[in-house]
Structure formats: C-alpha cells, structure tokens
Amino acid sequence: MTDAQGVPLVVTLTGGNRHDVTQLLPLVDAFPTVRGIRGRPRLRPDYLYADRGYDFDVYRRALRARRIVPRIARRGSAHGSGLGARRWVVERTFAWLHQFKRLRTRYEVRADLHLGLLQLACALICHRKLPKS
C-alpha cells in the first residue's frame, strides 16, 4: 500500500503482546522498491520517522547501517520534536483502517484471516484514493 505521496507502506501481523520496536527492522527490510521519476529504483527510503517508542540506539545503528537516516524522537526530551508534521500520516492511516470494524476490534481467532482482511482493507483504501478517470 502507498500513501498519497507515493511512500510505500508495509503491513505485518504480530501477536498483541509484542513490542512494536521488534518489528522495525523486518518492516524496513520488507519495503518494496521505491520508484522515482527517473533512474534506478531505490531499495530503501532516505529517512525513517518514528516516535519515542522506537528510541533505542541498537535500532538507530541498524538503520544507519542500511543507509537510512533515523528521525526518532528522544525519550525524556520535551514534546515538539517536529515529528508531528510526519506523524499525522501514520495516524491518518490508522484512522482509515479503523473504519473497518473487524480490524478495529479483532474478532478472528486465526491470524491468516485477520491478515487477509487487513490486506483487503489496504487495497480498498488505495482504490478509494486513486484518481477516478
């Protein structure tokens, strides 16, 4: 799924008791090629924006090793890190996904069914955002 600016979005499904930061590197590695206007397709984004929950030096180093500049808010610092201008994209995507009741409250016991509904919702969101010709 891509957002309105063409930035690739990747979704995965994990258990509810897993911390989000454990999925940071697998999600970055799962990014599809990023197509530009011309030239070779990029294999990774230039920057990664994240909130304070991802503030671990291990992950910052791993992102730099992948030549991705981490823009992660520091824990203990005052709010107003400037990430809010980018964070709304994530919050907006969550709001779009929560329009689907079966994703807002998980009723499915089987993970494959829930993942299928999540992927279907992503496809429907993309279809709604495509320009009508």
C-alpha atoms as a PDB file:
ATOM      1  CA  MET A   1       0.000   0.000   0.000  1.00  0.00           C
ATOM      2  CA  THR A   2       1.258   3.506  -0.702  1.00  0.00           C
ATOM      3  CA  ASP A   3       0.045   6.708   0.798  1.00  0.00           C
ATOM      4  CA  ALA A   4      -0.987   9.796  -1.158  1.00  0.00           C
ATOM      5  CA  GLN A   5       2.632  10.892  -1.633  1.00  0.00           C
ATOM      6  CA  GLY A   6       3.653   7.517  -3.085  1.00  0.00           C
ATOM      7  CA  VAL A   7       5.526   6.375   0.022  1.00  0.00           C
ATOM      8  CA  PRO A   8       5.349   2.585   0.384  1.00  0.00           C
ATOM      9  CA  LEU A   9       3.530   1.288   3.427  1.00  0.00           C
ATOM     10  CA  VAL A  10       4.137  -2.236   4.661  1.00  0.00           C
ATOM     11  CA  VAL A  11       1.821  -4.156   6.991  1.00  0.00           C
ATOM     12  CA  THR A  12       2.505  -7.209   9.109  1.00  0.00           C
ATOM     13  CA  LEU A  13       0.546  -9.012  11.759  1.00  0.00           C
ATOM     14  CA  THR A  14       2.040  -9.970  15.124  1.00  0.00           C
ATOM     15  CA  GLY A  15       0.751 -11.012  18.500  1.00  0.00           C
ATOM     16  CA  GLY A  16      -0.819  -8.356  20.681  1.00  0.00           C
ATOM     17  CA  ASN A  17       1.823  -8.772  23.373  1.00  0.00           C
ATOM     18  CA  ARG A  18       4.803  -7.898  21.150  1.00  0.00           C
ATOM     19  CA  HIS A  19       6.513  -4.529  21.364  1.00  0.00           C
ATOM     20  CA  ASP A  20       6.366  -2.517  18.155  1.00  0.00           C
ATOM     21  CA  VAL A  21      10.109  -1.935  18.010  1.00  0.00           C
ATOM     22  CA  THR A  22      10.781  -5.667  17.495  1.00  0.00           C
ATOM     23  CA  GLN A  23       9.141  -5.358  14.072  1.00  0.00           C
ATOM     24  CA  LEU A  24      11.015  -2.225  12.958  1.00  0.00           C
ATOM     25  CA  LEU A  25      13.822  -3.923  11.037  1.00  0.00           C
ATOM     26  CA  PRO A  26      11.663  -6.658   9.445  1.00  0.00           C
ATOM     27  CA  LEU A  27       9.304  -3.939   8.186  1.00  0.00           C
ATOM     28  CA  VAL A  28      12.176  -1.875   6.794  1.00  0.00           C
ATOM     29  CA  ASP A  29      13.559  -4.961   5.061  1.00  0.00           C
ATOM     30  CA  ALA A  30      10.114  -5.728   3.597  1.00  0.00           C
ATOM     31  CA  PHE A  31       9.863  -2.372   1.786  1.00  0.00           C
ATOM     32  CA  PRO A  32       9.287  -2.751  -1.939  1.00  0.00           C
ATOM     33  CA  THR A  33      11.437  -0.788  -4.360  1.00  0.00           C
ATOM     34  CA  VAL A  34      10.761   2.927  -4.197  1.00  0.00           C
ATOM     35  CA  ARG A  35      10.168   4.215  -7.697  1.00  0.00           C
ATOM     36  CA  GLY A  36      11.341   7.666  -8.534  1.00  0.00           C
ATOM     37  CA  ILE A  37      10.736   9.852 -11.552  1.00  0.00           C
ATOM     38  CA  ARG A  38      13.772   8.556 -13.396  1.00  0.00           C
ATOM     39  CA  GLY A  39      16.811   6.454 -12.798  1.00  0.00           C
ATOM     40  CA  ARG A  40      17.277   3.276 -10.833  1.00  0.00           C
ATOM     41  CA  PRO A  41      14.550   2.372  -8.343  1.00  0.00           C
ATOM     42  CA  ARG A  42      15.634   2.974  -4.755  1.00  0.00           C
ATOM     43  CA  LEU A  43      15.617  -0.043  -2.489  1.00  0.00           C
ATOM     44  CA  ARG A  44      15.062   1.876   0.742  1.00  0.00           C
ATOM     45  CA  PRO A  45      13.749   5.206   1.975  1.00  0.00           C
ATOM     46  CA  ASP A  46      16.119   8.052   2.796  1.00  0.00           C
ATOM     47  CA  TYR A  47      14.597   8.760   6.223  1.00  0.00           C
ATOM     48  CA  LEU A  48      12.620   6.833   8.822  1.00  0.00           C
ATOM     49  CA  TYR A  49      10.386   8.852  11.152  1.00  0.00           C
ATOM     50  CA  ALA A  50       9.331   7.268  14.444  1.00  0.00           C
ATOM     51  CA  ASP A  51       8.049   8.257  17.859  1.00  0.00           C
ATOM     52  CA  ARG A  52       9.680   7.788  21.259  1.00  0.00           C
ATOM     53  CA  GLY A  53       8.756   4.103  21.466  1.00  0.00           C
ATOM     54  CA  TYR A  54      11.472   3.366  18.891  1.00  0.00           C
ATOM     55  CA  ASP A  55      14.239   5.284  20.689  1.00  0.00           C
ATOM     56  CA  PHE A  56      16.885   2.567  21.064  1.00  0.00           C
ATOM     57  CA  ASP A  57      20.487   3.025  19.972  1.00  0.00           C
ATOM     58  CA  VAL A  58      20.621  -0.533  18.605  1.00  0.00           C
ATOM     59  CA  TYR A  59      17.927   0.258  16.058  1.00  0.00           C
ATOM     60  CA  ARG A  60      19.403   3.646  15.218  1.00  0.00           C
ATOM     61  CA  ARG A  61      22.712   1.931  14.383  1.00  0.00           C
ATOM     62  CA  ALA A  62      20.952  -0.772  12.367  1.00  0.00           C
ATOM     63  CA  LEU A  63      19.112   1.865  10.332  1.00  0.00           C
ATOM     64  CA  ARG A  64      22.323   3.796   9.686  1.00  0.00           C
ATOM     65  CA  ALA A  65      23.968   0.539   8.539  1.00  0.00           C
ATOM     66  CA  ARG A  66      21.165   0.299   5.962  1.00  0.00           C
ATOM     67  CA  ARG A  67      21.936   3.920   4.936  1.00  0.00           C
ATOM     68  CA  ILE A  68      18.649   5.188   6.330  1.00  0.00           C
ATOM     69  CA  VAL A  69      18.714   8.356   8.416  1.00  0.00           C
ATOM     70  CA  PRO A  70      16.694   7.732  11.613  1.00  0.00           C
ATOM     71  CA  ARG A  71      14.468  10.646  12.661  1.00  0.00           C
ATOM     72  CA  ILE A  72      13.351   9.257  16.012  1.00  0.00           C
ATOM     73  CA  ALA A  73      12.172  11.424  18.891  1.00  0.00           C
ATOM     74  CA  ARG A  74      14.321  11.090  22.025  1.00  0.00           C
ATOM     75  CA  ARG A  75      12.821   9.856  25.263  1.00  0.00           C
ATOM     76  CA  GLY A  76      12.860  12.380  28.067  1.00  0.00           C
ATOM     77  CA  SER A  77      13.012  15.355  25.704  1.00  0.00           C
ATOM     78  CA  ALA A  78      10.307  17.967  25.568  1.00  0.00           C
ATOM     79  CA  HIS A  79       7.472  17.462  23.132  1.00  0.00           C
ATOM     80  CA  GLY A  80       7.633  19.417  19.936  1.00  0.00           C
ATOM     81  CA  SER A  81      10.351  17.367  18.279  1.00  0.00           C
ATOM     82  CA  GLY A  82       8.935  18.313  14.894  1.00  0.00           C
ATOM     83  CA  LEU A  83       7.807  14.773  14.076  1.00  0.00           C
ATOM     84  CA  GLY A  84       4.144  15.719  14.335  1.00  0.00           C
ATOM     85  CA  ALA A  85       4.236  17.042  10.784  1.00  0.00           C
ATOM     86  CA  ARG A  86       5.063  13.494   9.621  1.00  0.00           C
ATOM     87  CA  ARG A  87       3.257  11.541  12.335  1.00  0.00           C
ATOM     88  CA  TRP A  88      -0.181  12.543  11.069  1.00  0.00           C
ATOM     89  CA  VAL A  89       0.345  10.264   8.044  1.00  0.00           C
ATOM     90  CA  VAL A  90       0.544   7.254  10.357  1.00  0.00           C
ATOM     91  CA  GLU A  91      -2.399   8.378  12.483  1.00  0.00           C
ATOM     92  CA  ARG A  92      -4.473   9.045   9.358  1.00  0.00           C
ATOM     93  CA  THR A  93      -3.711   5.547   8.057  1.00  0.00           C
ATOM     94  CA  PHE A  94      -4.772   4.023  11.377  1.00  0.00           C
ATOM     95  CA  ALA A  95      -7.997   6.026  11.197  1.00  0.00           C
ATOM     96  CA  TRP A  96      -8.664   4.719   7.679  1.00  0.00           C
ATOM     97  CA  LEU A  97      -8.070   1.143   8.838  1.00  0.00           C
ATOM     98  CA  HIS A  98     -10.309   1.596  11.888  1.00  0.00           C
ATOM     99  CA  GLN A  99     -13.229   2.418   9.605  1.00  0.00           C
ATOM    100  CA  PHE A 100     -13.398  -1.345   9.124  1.00  0.00           C
ATOM    101  CA  LYS A 101     -14.989  -2.681  12.310  1.00  0.00           C
ATOM    102  CA  ARG A 102     -13.417  -6.122  12.057  1.00  0.00           C
ATOM    103  CA  LEU A 103      -9.978  -4.518  12.134  1.00  0.00           C
ATOM    104  CA  ARG A 104     -10.760  -2.116  14.966  1.00  0.00           C
ATOM    105  CA  THR A 105     -11.786  -4.995  17.238  1.00  0.00           C
ATOM    106  CA  ARG A 106     -10.218  -8.303  16.323  1.00  0.00           C
ATOM    107  CA  TYR A 107     -12.915 -10.960  16.119  1.00  0.00           C
ATOM    108  CA  GLU A 108     -10.944 -13.537  14.116  1.00  0.00           C
ATOM    109  CA  VAL A 109      -9.038 -16.161  16.038  1.00  0.00           C
ATOM    110  CA  ARG A 110      -6.988 -17.235  13.031  1.00  0.00           C
ATOM    111  CA  ALA A 111      -4.171 -14.875  12.120  1.00  0.00           C
ATOM    112  CA  ASP A 112      -4.368 -15.647   8.384  1.00  0.00           C
ATOM    113  CA  LEU A 113      -7.997 -14.457   8.231  1.00  0.00           C
ATOM    114  CA  HIS A 114      -7.185 -11.257  10.076  1.00  0.00           C
ATOM    115  CA  LEU A 115      -4.179 -10.594   7.826  1.00  0.00           C
ATOM    116  CA  GLY A 116      -6.344 -11.199   4.755  1.00  0.00           C
ATOM    117  CA  LEU A 117      -8.907  -8.675   5.982  1.00  0.00           C
ATOM    118  CA  LEU A 118      -6.114  -6.213   6.742  1.00  0.00           C
ATOM    119  CA  GLN A 119      -4.726  -6.570   3.220  1.00  0.00           C
ATOM    120  CA  LEU A 120      -8.210  -6.255   1.735  1.00  0.00           C
ATOM    121  CA  ALA A 121      -8.786  -3.068   3.721  1.00  0.00           C
ATOM    122  CA  CYS A 122      -5.471  -1.673   2.465  1.00  0.00           C
ATOM    123  CA  ALA A 123      -6.470  -2.463  -1.121  1.00  0.00           C
ATOM    124  CA  LEU A 124      -9.860  -0.786  -0.653  1.00  0.00           C
ATOM    125  CA  ILE A 125      -8.239   2.311   0.843  1.00  0.00           C
ATOM    126  CA  CYS A 126      -5.842   2.546  -2.112  1.00  0.00           C
ATOM    127  CA  HIS A 127      -8.729   2.054  -4.560  1.00  0.00           C
ATOM    128  CA  ARG A 128     -10.680   4.883  -2.932  1.00  0.00           C
ATOM    129  CA  LYS A 129      -7.689   7.231  -3.131  1.00  0.00           C
ATOM    130  CA  LEU A 130      -6.879   6.564  -6.786  1.00  0.00           C
ATOM    131  CA  PRO A 131      -7.989   9.328  -9.127  1.00  0.00           C
ATOM    132  CA  LYS A 132     -11.170   8.483 -10.992  1.00  0.00           C
ATOM    133  CA  SER A 133     -10.742   8.614 -14.748  1.00  0.00           C
END
